Amino acid sequence: MDYLLDTNILTAILKQNPQAIEKRRECNLQGDRLFISCITYFESEGGLLAVNATKKLAMLENLCSHDIQVVFLEEIEIIHIASRIYADLRRKGTPIQFPDILIAATGMYHQMILVSNDSDMLRIDGLTLENWLG
């Protein structure tokens, strides 16, 4: 299986959360592939740079060099999916943050399971979602 890790899950891994670490280990043993969106990379690296967390920055770099692949917004269809999500949520009066929409659209385009601890993601129709923390 292919999993797209949301920023909150990547953060949990970087903070050595036991549940997230165990799920990552299980995925590795089963041959599942782990990905993050370039949006998640940006949010994580930017946050770590802001607080000068050099050890966690090194961990992020190591993870993305060995275990987790970064997926980029290369296909216009990802933006089309994101636009439909945005319009749907706006019509319903339940908007969510743009980064979350782009991350969800990336997962949907690539037919990945999005792993997130963000309840906002539950509002997105058609998104396959899993929570490793709850």
Protein backbone atom coordinates (compact mmCIF):
# COMPACT_ATOMS: atom_id res chain seq x y z
CA MET A 1 0.00 0.00 0.00
CA ASP A 2 0.99 3.60 -0.50
CA TYR A 3 0.55 6.04 2.37
CA LEU A 4 0.73 9.83 2.22
CA LEU A 5 1.67 11.19 5.63
CA ASP A 6 0.09 14.47 6.68
CA THR A 7 2.24 17.04 8.44
CA ASN A 8 0.92 16.09 11.89
CA ILE A 9 1.96 12.46 11.36
CA LEU A 10 5.42 13.40 10.11
CA THR A 11 5.75 15.66 13.15
CA ALA A 12 4.77 12.74 15.40
CA ILE A 13 7.47 10.59 13.78
CA LEU A 14 10.07 13.34 14.24
CA LYS A 15 9.02 13.62 17.91
CA GLN A 16 9.42 9.84 18.28
CA ASN A 17 5.74 9.24 19.09
CA PRO A 18 5.56 5.49 19.90
CA GLN A 19 2.34 4.86 17.92
CA ALA A 20 3.64 6.64 14.81
CA ILE A 21 7.04 4.93 15.06
CA GLU A 22 5.40 1.50 15.39
CA LYS A 23 3.11 2.07 12.39
CA ARG A 24 6.10 3.25 10.32
CA ARG A 25 7.99 0.10 11.32
CA GLU A 26 5.01 -2.10 10.39
CA CYS A 27 4.78 -0.41 6.98
CA ASN A 28 8.48 -1.00 6.36
CA LEU A 29 8.13 -4.68 7.30
CA GLN A 30 5.12 -5.11 5.00
CA GLY A 31 6.81 -3.37 2.08
CA ASP A 32 4.36 -0.46 2.09
CA ARG A 33 5.60 2.80 0.65
CA LEU A 34 5.52 6.08 2.58
CA PHE A 35 5.25 9.50 0.97
CA ILE A 36 4.82 13.12 2.00
CA SER A 37 3.62 16.02 -0.11
CA CYS A 38 6.04 18.82 -0.89
CA ILE A 39 3.56 20.92 1.12
CA THR A 40 4.23 18.77 4.20
CA TYR A 41 7.98 19.03 3.59
CA PHE A 42 7.67 22.82 3.36
CA GLU A 43 5.56 23.09 6.53
CA SER A 44 7.92 20.79 8.46
CA GLU A 45 11.21 22.25 7.29
CA GLY A 46 9.96 25.82 7.72
CA GLY A 47 8.76 25.13 11.25
CA LEU A 48 12.00 23.44 12.23
CA LEU A 49 14.13 26.22 10.71
CA ALA A 50 12.09 28.83 12.59
CA VAL A 51 13.03 27.28 15.94
CA ASN A 52 16.54 26.22 14.85
CA ALA A 53 15.82 22.53 15.53
CA THR A 54 18.96 21.23 13.85
CA LYS A 55 18.66 17.64 15.11
CA LYS A 56 15.08 17.31 13.86
CA LEU A 57 16.08 18.94 10.55
CA ALA A 58 18.75 16.26 10.17
CA MET A 59 16.13 13.60 11.01
CA LEU A 60 13.79 15.04 8.36
CA GLU A 61 16.55 15.00 5.77
CA ASN A 62 17.46 11.42 6.68
CA LEU A 63 13.85 10.23 6.52
CA CYS A 64 13.39 11.79 3.10
CA SER A 65 16.64 10.32 1.86
CA HIS A 66 15.86 6.75 2.93
CA ASP A 67 12.30 5.94 4.02
CA ILE A 68 9.88 8.58 2.80
CA GLN A 69 9.55 9.94 -0.73
CA VAL A 70 8.49 13.53 -1.40
CA VAL A 71 5.66 13.93 -3.94
CA PHE A 72 5.48 17.17 -5.90
CA LEU A 73 2.53 19.06 -7.38
CA GLU A 74 3.61 18.18 -10.91
CA GLU A 75 0.24 17.34 -12.43
CA ILE A 76 -2.44 19.93 -13.15
CA GLU A 77 -5.03 17.29 -12.23
CA ILE A 78 -3.93 17.63 -8.57
CA ILE A 79 -4.89 21.31 -8.75
CA HIS A 80 -8.20 20.44 -10.41
CA ILE A 81 -8.98 17.98 -7.59
CA ALA A 82 -7.97 20.60 -5.00
CA SER A 83 -10.21 23.16 -6.68
CA ARG A 84 -13.18 20.79 -6.56
CA ILE A 85 -12.52 20.05 -2.86
CA TYR A 86 -12.30 23.78 -2.12
CA ALA A 87 -15.52 24.56 -4.00
CA ASP A 88 -17.39 21.69 -2.34
CA LEU A 89 -16.32 22.67 1.17
CA ARG A 90 -17.00 26.34 0.52
CA ARG A 91 -20.53 25.57 -0.73
CA LYS A 92 -21.14 23.52 2.43
CA GLY A 93 -19.79 26.34 4.61
CA THR A 94 -17.05 24.10 6.03
CA PRO A 95 -13.78 25.35 4.49
CA ILE A 96 -10.39 24.08 5.58
CA GLN A 97 -6.87 25.42 5.13
CA PHE A 98 -5.37 25.47 1.62
CA PRO A 99 -2.34 23.32 2.55
CA ASP A 100 -4.68 20.58 3.81
CA ILE A 101 -6.66 20.72 0.57
CA LEU A 102 -3.50 20.39 -1.53
CA ILE A 103 -2.22 17.49 0.58
CA ALA A 104 -5.57 15.70 0.32
CA ALA A 105 -5.74 16.30 -3.45
CA THR A 106 -2.25 14.85 -3.84
CA GLY A 107 -3.29 11.71 -2.01
CA MET A 108 -6.47 11.38 -4.03
CA TYR A 109 -4.66 11.86 -7.36
CA HIS A 110 -2.05 9.22 -6.52
CA GLN A 111 -4.67 6.90 -4.94
CA MET A 112 -2.84 6.85 -1.62
CA ILE A 113 -4.19 6.44 1.88
CA LEU A 114 -3.82 9.77 3.64
CA VAL A 115 -2.59 9.32 7.20
CA SER A 116 -3.69 12.25 9.31
CA ASN A 117 -4.70 13.20 12.83
CA ASP A 118 -6.61 16.23 11.50
CA SER A 119 -10.38 15.98 11.84
CA ASP A 120 -10.79 18.59 9.08
CA MET A 121 -9.76 15.90 6.59
CA LEU A 122 -12.94 13.97 7.45
CA ARG A 123 -14.93 16.64 5.59
CA ILE A 124 -13.38 15.73 2.23
CA ASP A 125 -15.58 13.41 0.19
CA GLY A 126 -13.77 10.55 -1.52
CA LEU A 127 -10.61 10.78 0.56
CA THR A 128 -9.24 7.48 1.91
CA LEU A 129 -8.12 8.32 5.42
CA GLU A 130 -6.33 6.59 8.28
CA ASN A 131 -5.22 7.92 11.67
CA TRP A 132 -2.12 6.38 13.24
CA LEU A 133 -2.50 8.42 16.44
CA GLY A 134 -6.10 7.96 17.42
